[in-house]
Amino acid sequence: MAQPVHAPKLYERDFVAWCEETIAKLKAHDLESLDLDSLIEEIEGLAGRDRRELESRLQVLLEHLLKRLYVSSPYDHRGWQNTIHEQRRELRLLLKQSPSLRNYLTNVFDEAWQNALTQVKRDYAKELFPDQWPFSGDIDALLDNQFWLADEDL
């Protein structure tokens, strides 16, 4: 006996149309006809996306801080500093939008540090890097402190 063919839901056929329909249903308080499984999936995806972005930006920030602090290449300092400023700005925006991510950042800091350290050691095998983050692990310090001497900005 042949299996019945599954007709794709609107969510699977046209995501934007599904979003518009879902918004209209929510505004009308038509909770009975919502595609709850898809709605739950999307909300979970949004939270996961922000956590992944935070982890990625934190790792890039730590990589560039390590390079700026420990790689003797003054020619590259300005570019690394620009990346540090950009990642900090984006992290601040994420944390402003979702303050609960501060706890998440604290929880993933060690893993991000290890990933950043592994990457810079691979990229700069001749340089010496610390095995542990040598500064405060405080989020505000990480997002604000320069960590290098001002006269090194040449």
N, C-alpha and C. Protein backbone atom coordinates (compact mmCIF):
# COMPACT_ATOMS: atom_id res chain seq x y z
N MET A 1 0.84 -1.18 0.00
CA MET A 1 0.00 0.00 0.00
C MET A 1 0.89 1.24 0.00
N ALA A 2 0.57 2.19 -0.82
CA ALA A 2 1.37 3.41 -0.95
C ALA A 2 1.16 4.31 0.25
N GLN A 3 2.26 4.92 0.68
CA GLN A 3 2.21 5.87 1.77
C GLN A 3 1.58 7.17 1.26
N PRO A 4 0.77 7.84 2.09
CA PRO A 4 0.23 9.12 1.65
C PRO A 4 1.35 10.14 1.49
N VAL A 5 1.23 10.94 0.47
CA VAL A 5 2.22 11.97 0.20
C VAL A 5 2.02 13.11 1.20
N HIS A 6 3.12 13.51 1.85
CA HIS A 6 3.08 14.60 2.82
C HIS A 6 3.04 15.92 2.08
N ALA A 7 2.00 16.66 2.30
CA ALA A 7 1.90 18.00 1.70
C ALA A 7 2.70 18.95 2.57
N PRO A 8 3.70 19.62 2.00
CA PRO A 8 4.52 20.52 2.82
C PRO A 8 3.68 21.65 3.42
N LYS A 9 3.97 21.93 4.67
CA LYS A 9 3.31 23.05 5.35
C LYS A 9 3.82 24.35 4.75
N LEU A 10 3.06 25.41 4.99
CA LEU A 10 3.46 26.73 4.51
C LEU A 10 4.87 27.06 4.99
N TYR A 11 5.18 26.70 6.22
CA TYR A 11 6.51 26.93 6.79
C TYR A 11 7.61 26.35 5.91
N GLU A 12 7.34 25.18 5.34
CA GLU A 12 8.33 24.50 4.49
C GLU A 12 8.34 25.03 3.06
N ARG A 13 7.20 25.55 2.61
CA ARG A 13 7.07 26.02 1.22
C ARG A 13 7.52 27.47 1.03
N ASP A 14 7.18 28.33 2.01
CA ASP A 14 7.45 29.76 1.84
C ASP A 14 7.61 30.39 3.22
N PHE A 15 8.83 30.51 3.67
CA PHE A 15 9.11 30.97 5.02
C PHE A 15 8.58 32.37 5.28
N VAL A 16 8.78 33.28 4.33
CA VAL A 16 8.32 34.66 4.53
C VAL A 16 6.80 34.70 4.63
N ALA A 17 6.12 33.97 3.77
CA ALA A 17 4.65 33.92 3.85
C ALA A 17 4.22 33.33 5.19
N TRP A 18 4.92 32.32 5.67
CA TRP A 18 4.61 31.73 6.98
C TRP A 18 4.79 32.77 8.08
N CYS A 19 5.88 33.55 8.02
CA CYS A 19 6.12 34.60 9.03
C CYS A 19 4.98 35.61 9.00
N GLU A 20 4.62 36.06 7.83
CA GLU A 20 3.55 37.05 7.72
C GLU A 20 2.24 36.50 8.26
N GLU A 21 1.93 35.27 7.93
CA GLU A 21 0.70 34.63 8.42
C GLU A 21 0.75 34.47 9.95
N THR A 22 1.90 34.08 10.47
CA THR A 22 2.05 33.90 11.91
C THR A 22 1.89 35.23 12.64
N ILE A 23 2.49 36.28 12.12
CA ILE A 23 2.35 37.61 12.71
C ILE A 23 0.89 38.03 12.73
N ALA A 24 0.19 37.83 11.60
CA ALA A 24 -1.23 38.20 11.52
C ALA A 24 -2.05 37.42 12.55
N LYS A 25 -1.78 36.14 12.68
CA LYS A 25 -2.50 35.32 13.65
C LYS A 25 -2.21 35.77 15.09
N LEU A 26 -0.97 36.09 15.37
CA LEU A 26 -0.62 36.57 16.71
C LEU A 26 -1.30 37.90 17.01
N LYS A 27 -1.28 38.82 16.05
CA LYS A 27 -1.93 40.12 16.25
C LYS A 27 -3.43 39.97 16.47
N ALA A 28 -4.02 38.97 15.82
CA ALA A 28 -5.47 38.73 15.94
C ALA A 28 -5.79 37.85 17.15
N HIS A 29 -4.75 37.45 17.88
CA HIS A 29 -4.91 36.55 19.03
C HIS A 29 -5.54 35.22 18.62
N ASP A 30 -5.26 34.81 17.39
CA ASP A 30 -5.75 33.54 16.85
C ASP A 30 -4.73 32.45 17.19
N LEU A 31 -4.64 32.14 18.45
CA LEU A 31 -3.64 31.18 18.92
C LEU A 31 -3.98 29.76 18.53
N GLU A 32 -5.22 29.48 18.30
CA GLU A 32 -5.66 28.11 17.99
C GLU A 32 -5.08 27.61 16.67
N SER A 33 -4.93 28.50 15.70
CA SER A 33 -4.50 28.05 14.38
C SER A 33 -3.00 28.28 14.10
N LEU A 34 -2.25 28.63 15.13
CA LEU A 34 -0.80 28.82 14.95
C LEU A 34 -0.11 27.49 14.69
N ASP A 35 0.91 27.54 13.88
CA ASP A 35 1.79 26.38 13.67
C ASP A 35 2.83 26.42 14.79
N LEU A 36 2.43 25.91 15.96
CA LEU A 36 3.25 26.05 17.16
C LEU A 36 4.60 25.35 17.03
N ASP A 37 4.64 24.17 16.42
CA ASP A 37 5.92 23.46 16.30
C ASP A 37 6.94 24.28 15.53
N SER A 38 6.50 24.88 14.42
CA SER A 38 7.41 25.70 13.63
C SER A 38 7.78 26.99 14.36
N LEU A 39 6.82 27.57 15.06
CA LEU A 39 7.08 28.79 15.82
C LEU A 39 8.11 28.53 16.92
N ILE A 40 7.95 27.44 17.62
CA ILE A 40 8.91 27.06 18.67
C ILE A 40 10.29 26.85 18.06
N GLU A 41 10.34 26.15 16.93
CA GLU A 41 11.62 25.90 16.25
C GLU A 41 12.32 27.21 15.88
N GLU A 42 11.55 28.18 15.39
CA GLU A 42 12.13 29.46 14.99
C GLU A 42 12.63 30.25 16.20
N ILE A 43 11.86 30.25 17.27
CA ILE A 43 12.30 30.99 18.47
C ILE A 43 13.54 30.35 19.05
N GLU A 44 13.60 29.03 19.08
CA GLU A 44 14.82 28.35 19.55
C GLU A 44 16.00 28.70 18.65
N GLY A 45 15.74 28.77 17.36
CA GLY A 45 16.80 29.12 16.41
C GLY A 45 17.32 30.54 16.62
N LEU A 46 16.43 31.47 16.95
CA LEU A 46 16.85 32.85 17.21
C LEU A 46 17.80 32.92 18.40
N ALA A 47 17.43 32.24 19.47
CA ALA A 47 18.29 32.25 20.67
C ALA A 47 19.63 31.60 20.35
N GLY A 48 19.61 30.50 19.63
CA GLY A 48 20.85 29.83 19.26
C GLY A 48 21.73 30.68 18.37
N ARG A 49 21.09 31.41 17.47
CA ARG A 49 21.85 32.29 16.56
C ARG A 49 22.60 33.35 17.35
N ASP A 50 21.95 33.96 18.32
CA ASP A 50 22.61 35.00 19.11
C ASP A 50 23.74 34.41 19.95
N ARG A 51 23.55 33.23 20.49
CA ARG A 51 24.63 32.59 21.27
C ARG A 51 25.82 32.26 20.37
N ARG A 52 25.54 31.74 19.16
CA ARG A 52 26.64 31.44 18.23
C ARG A 52 27.38 32.70 17.82
N GLU A 53 26.64 33.78 17.57
CA GLU A 53 27.28 35.04 17.20
C GLU A 53 28.15 35.55 18.34
N LEU A 54 27.64 35.48 19.55
CA LEU A 54 28.42 35.93 20.71
C LEU A 54 29.70 35.11 20.84
N GLU A 55 29.61 33.81 20.72
CA GLU A 55 30.80 32.96 20.83
C GLU A 55 31.81 33.28 19.73
N SER A 56 31.32 33.45 18.52
CA SER A 56 32.20 33.74 17.40
C SER A 56 32.91 35.08 17.58
N ARG A 57 32.16 36.10 17.97
CA ARG A 57 32.75 37.43 18.16
C ARG A 57 33.72 37.43 19.34
N LEU A 58 33.39 36.70 20.38
CA LEU A 58 34.30 36.60 21.53
C LEU A 58 35.61 35.94 21.11
N GLN A 59 35.54 34.87 20.34
CA GLN A 59 36.76 34.20 19.91
C GLN A 59 37.60 35.11 19.01
N VAL A 60 36.97 35.81 18.09
CA VAL A 60 37.70 36.74 17.21
C VAL A 60 38.34 37.84 18.05
N LEU A 61 37.60 38.36 19.02
CA LEU A 61 38.15 39.39 19.91
C LEU A 61 39.39 38.87 20.63
N LEU A 62 39.30 37.69 21.21
CA LEU A 62 40.44 37.13 21.94
C LEU A 62 41.62 36.85 21.02
N GLU A 63 41.36 36.36 19.81
CA GLU A 63 42.45 36.12 18.85
C GLU A 63 43.19 37.43 18.55
N HIS A 64 42.44 38.48 18.31
CA HIS A 64 43.08 39.75 17.95
C HIS A 64 43.74 40.42 19.15
N LEU A 65 43.18 40.25 20.32
CA LEU A 65 43.88 40.73 21.52
C LEU A 65 45.20 39.99 21.69
N LEU A 66 45.19 38.69 21.50
CA LEU A 66 46.43 37.91 21.62
C LEU A 66 47.46 38.38 20.59
N LYS A 67 47.02 38.57 19.36
CA LYS A 67 47.96 39.02 18.32
C LYS A 67 48.50 40.41 18.66
N ARG A 68 47.59 41.30 19.06
CA ARG A 68 48.03 42.67 19.37
C ARG A 68 49.00 42.72 20.55
N LEU A 69 48.76 41.86 21.52
CA LEU A 69 49.58 41.86 22.73
C LEU A 69 50.90 41.10 22.59
N TYR A 70 50.92 40.04 21.79
CA TYR A 70 52.06 39.14 21.82
C TYR A 70 52.79 38.95 20.50
N VAL A 71 52.24 39.41 19.40
CA VAL A 71 52.93 39.25 18.11
C VAL A 71 53.65 40.56 17.81
N SER A 72 54.96 40.45 17.63
CA SER A 72 55.79 41.61 17.36
C SER A 72 55.70 41.96 15.87
N SER A 73 54.67 42.71 15.54
CA SER A 73 54.45 43.11 14.16
C SER A 73 53.73 44.45 14.14
N PRO A 74 54.45 45.54 14.49
CA PRO A 74 53.82 46.86 14.58
C PRO A 74 53.04 47.25 13.33
N TYR A 75 53.46 46.75 12.18
CA TYR A 75 52.76 47.05 10.94
C TYR A 75 51.30 46.59 11.01
N ASP A 76 51.04 45.48 11.73
CA ASP A 76 49.70 44.89 11.81
C ASP A 76 48.87 45.41 12.98
N HIS A 77 49.49 46.13 13.91
CA HIS A 77 48.78 46.54 15.12
C HIS A 77 47.49 47.30 14.83
N ARG A 78 47.53 48.23 13.91
CA ARG A 78 46.34 49.05 13.64
C ARG A 78 45.17 48.20 13.16
N GLY A 79 45.44 47.27 12.28
CA GLY A 79 44.38 46.39 11.78
C GLY A 79 43.80 45.53 12.90
N TRP A 80 44.68 45.01 13.75
CA TRP A 80 44.20 44.20 14.87
C TRP A 80 43.37 45.05 15.82
N GLN A 81 43.82 46.27 16.08
CA GLN A 81 43.07 47.17 16.97
C GLN A 81 41.70 47.50 16.37
N ASN A 82 41.63 47.71 15.07
CA ASN A 82 40.34 47.97 14.43
C ASN A 82 39.39 46.79 14.61
N THR A 83 39.92 45.58 14.46
CA THR A 83 39.09 44.39 14.66
C THR A 83 38.66 44.28 16.12
N ILE A 84 39.54 44.58 17.03
CA ILE A 84 39.20 44.55 18.47
C ILE A 84 38.05 45.51 18.74
N HIS A 85 38.16 46.73 18.22
CA HIS A 85 37.10 47.74 18.43
C HIS A 85 35.77 47.27 17.83
N GLU A 86 35.83 46.71 16.64
CA GLU A 86 34.61 46.25 15.97
C GLU A 86 33.95 45.10 16.74
N GLN A 87 34.73 44.13 17.17
CA GLN A 87 34.16 43.00 17.91
C GLN A 87 33.58 43.45 19.24
N ARG A 88 34.27 44.36 19.90
CA ARG A 88 33.74 44.89 21.16
C ARG A 88 32.43 45.63 20.95
N ARG A 89 32.37 46.43 19.91
CA ARG A 89 31.13 47.17 19.61
C ARG A 89 29.98 46.21 19.36
N GLU A 90 30.21 45.19 18.56
CA GLU A 90 29.17 44.22 18.24
C GLU A 90 28.76 43.41 19.46
N LEU A 91 29.74 43.06 20.30
CA LEU A 91 29.42 42.33 21.53
C LEU A 91 28.58 43.21 22.47
N ARG A 92 28.94 44.48 22.58
CA ARG A 92 28.14 45.40 23.41
C ARG A 92 26.70 45.49 22.91
N LEU A 93 26.53 45.56 21.60
CA LEU A 93 25.18 45.62 21.02
C LEU A 93 24.39 44.35 21.34
N LEU A 94 25.03 43.20 21.20
CA LEU A 94 24.37 41.93 21.54
C LEU A 94 23.96 41.90 23.00
N LEU A 95 24.86 42.33 23.87
CA LEU A 95 24.58 42.31 25.31
C LEU A 95 23.53 43.35 25.70
N LYS A 96 23.48 44.45 24.98
CA LYS A 96 22.45 45.46 25.24
C LYS A 96 21.08 44.91 24.85
N GLN A 97 21.02 44.24 23.71
CA GLN A 97 19.76 43.68 23.22
C GLN A 97 19.31 42.51 24.09
N SER A 98 20.26 41.71 24.56
CA SER A 98 19.94 40.51 25.35
C SER A 98 20.89 40.42 26.55
N PRO A 99 20.59 41.16 27.61
CA PRO A 99 21.47 41.16 28.78
C PRO A 99 21.73 39.78 29.37
N SER A 100 20.81 38.85 29.18
CA SER A 100 21.02 37.50 29.72
C SER A 100 22.21 36.80 29.06
N LEU A 101 22.65 37.30 27.93
CA LEU A 101 23.84 36.72 27.28
C LEU A 101 25.12 36.99 28.06
N ARG A 102 25.09 37.91 29.01
CA ARG A 102 26.28 38.16 29.85
C ARG A 102 26.66 36.87 30.59
N ASN A 103 25.67 36.18 31.13
CA ASN A 103 25.93 34.91 31.81
C ASN A 103 26.48 33.88 30.83
N TYR A 104 25.91 33.85 29.64
CA TYR A 104 26.37 32.91 28.62
C TYR A 104 27.82 33.20 28.24
N LEU A 105 28.15 34.48 28.07
CA LEU A 105 29.52 34.86 27.74
C LEU A 105 30.49 34.37 28.81
N THR A 106 30.11 34.56 30.06
CA THR A 106 30.95 34.09 31.16
C THR A 106 31.14 32.57 31.09
N ASN A 107 30.07 31.86 30.76
CA ASN A 107 30.12 30.40 30.71
C ASN A 107 30.96 29.87 29.56
N VAL A 108 31.01 30.58 28.44
CA VAL A 108 31.75 30.09 27.28
C VAL A 108 33.13 30.73 27.13
N PHE A 109 33.49 31.61 28.06
CA PHE A 109 34.77 32.32 27.94
C PHE A 109 35.95 31.34 27.84
N ASP A 110 36.03 30.36 28.72
CA ASP A 110 37.18 29.44 28.72
C ASP A 110 37.30 28.69 27.41
N GLU A 111 36.18 28.24 26.87
CA GLU A 111 36.22 27.52 25.59
C GLU A 111 36.64 28.46 24.46
N ALA A 112 36.10 29.68 24.46
CA ALA A 112 36.48 30.66 23.43
C ALA A 112 37.97 30.99 23.54
N TRP A 113 38.46 31.11 24.77
CA TRP A 113 39.88 31.38 25.00
C TRP A 113 40.72 30.25 24.41
N GLN A 114 40.37 29.02 24.71
CA GLN A 114 41.15 27.88 24.20
C GLN A 114 41.12 27.83 22.68
N ASN A 115 39.96 28.08 22.08
CA ASN A 115 39.87 28.10 20.62
C ASN A 115 40.71 29.22 20.03
N ALA A 116 40.66 30.41 20.64
CA ALA A 116 41.45 31.54 20.15
C ALA A 116 42.94 31.24 20.29
N LEU A 117 43.32 30.70 21.43
CA LEU A 117 44.73 30.38 21.67
C LEU A 117 45.23 29.34 20.67
N THR A 118 44.45 28.32 20.43
CA THR A 118 44.81 27.28 19.45
C THR A 118 45.03 27.90 18.08
N GLN A 119 44.12 28.79 17.69
CA GLN A 119 44.21 29.41 16.37
C GLN A 119 45.46 30.29 16.24
N VAL A 120 45.72 31.15 17.21
CA VAL A 120 46.88 32.04 17.08
C VAL A 120 48.18 31.27 17.20
N LYS A 121 48.21 30.22 17.99
CA LYS A 121 49.42 29.39 18.06
C LYS A 121 49.68 28.71 16.71
N ARG A 122 48.61 28.33 16.03
CA ARG A 122 48.75 27.72 14.70
C ARG A 122 49.24 28.77 13.70
N ASP A 123 48.66 29.99 13.78
CA ASP A 123 49.02 31.04 12.83
C ASP A 123 50.39 31.66 13.09
N TYR A 124 50.81 31.66 14.35
CA TYR A 124 52.08 32.30 14.74
C TYR A 124 52.87 31.33 15.61
N ALA A 125 53.31 30.27 14.99
CA ALA A 125 53.95 29.16 15.71
C ALA A 125 55.23 29.58 16.44
N LYS A 126 55.89 30.63 15.98
CA LYS A 126 57.15 31.04 16.60
C LYS A 126 56.95 31.98 17.79
N GLU A 127 55.75 32.47 17.99
CA GLU A 127 55.47 33.41 19.07
C GLU A 127 55.11 32.65 20.35
N LEU A 128 55.34 33.30 21.48
CA LEU A 128 54.98 32.72 22.77
C LEU A 128 53.71 33.39 23.28
N PHE A 129 52.73 32.57 23.62
CA PHE A 129 51.45 33.06 24.14
C PHE A 129 51.21 32.45 25.51
N PRO A 130 50.50 33.16 26.38
CA PRO A 130 50.19 32.61 27.71
C PRO A 130 49.15 31.49 27.59
N ASP A 131 49.24 30.52 28.47
CA ASP A 131 48.29 29.41 28.45
C ASP A 131 46.94 29.80 29.04
N GLN A 132 46.94 30.84 29.88
CA GLN A 132 45.71 31.32 30.51
C GLN A 132 45.55 32.81 30.18
N TRP A 133 44.29 33.27 30.14
CA TRP A 133 44.04 34.68 29.93
C TRP A 133 44.69 35.45 31.07
N PRO A 134 45.63 36.35 30.79
CA PRO A 134 46.41 36.99 31.85
C PRO A 134 45.75 38.20 32.52
N PHE A 135 44.55 38.54 32.09
CA PHE A 135 43.89 39.74 32.62
C PHE A 135 42.58 39.36 33.31
N SER A 136 41.88 40.35 33.77
CA SER A 136 40.60 40.13 34.42
C SER A 136 39.63 39.44 33.45
N GLY A 137 38.86 38.52 33.98
CA GLY A 137 37.83 37.86 33.19
C GLY A 137 36.52 38.61 33.22
N ASP A 138 36.51 39.77 33.87
CA ASP A 138 35.31 40.58 33.96
C ASP A 138 34.89 41.03 32.55
N ILE A 139 33.61 40.88 32.25
CA ILE A 139 33.11 41.21 30.91
C ILE A 139 33.36 42.68 30.56
N ASP A 140 33.08 43.57 31.49
CA ASP A 140 33.27 44.99 31.21
C ASP A 140 34.74 45.31 30.95
N ALA A 141 35.64 44.68 31.69
CA ALA A 141 37.07 44.90 31.46
C ALA A 141 37.45 44.38 30.08
N LEU A 142 36.94 43.23 29.72
CA LEU A 142 37.24 42.64 28.41
C LEU A 142 36.77 43.54 27.28
N LEU A 143 35.64 44.20 27.50
CA LEU A 143 35.07 45.05 26.45
C LEU A 143 35.58 46.48 26.46
N ASP A 144 36.33 46.86 27.52
CA ASP A 144 36.77 48.25 27.63
C ASP A 144 38.28 48.45 27.73
N ASN A 145 38.97 47.57 28.42
CA ASN A 145 40.39 47.78 28.68
C ASN A 145 41.23 47.61 27.42
N GLN A 146 42.22 48.47 27.30
CA GLN A 146 43.11 48.41 26.14
C GLN A 146 44.12 47.27 26.28
N PHE A 147 44.64 47.03 27.46
CA PHE A 147 45.58 45.96 27.79
C PHE A 147 47.00 46.22 27.28
N TRP A 148 47.21 47.08 26.33
CA TRP A 148 48.56 47.40 25.88
C TRP A 148 48.82 48.88 26.16
N LEU A 149 50.09 49.24 26.19
CA LEU A 149 50.46 50.62 26.50
C LEU A 149 50.10 51.55 25.34
N ALA A 150 49.63 52.74 25.67
CA ALA A 150 49.17 53.69 24.66
C ALA A 150 50.27 54.03 23.67
N ASP A 151 51.52 54.11 24.13
CA ASP A 151 52.61 54.49 23.20
C ASP A 151 52.95 53.35 22.25
N GLU A 152 52.30 52.20 22.43
CA GLU A 152 52.50 51.10 21.49
C GLU A 152 51.55 51.20 20.29
N ASP A 153 50.76 52.26 20.22
CA ASP A 153 49.78 52.43 19.14
C ASP A 153 50.40 52.94 17.84
N LEU A 154 51.68 53.01 17.78
CA LEU A 154 52.36 53.57 16.60
C LEU A 154 52.06 52.81 15.35
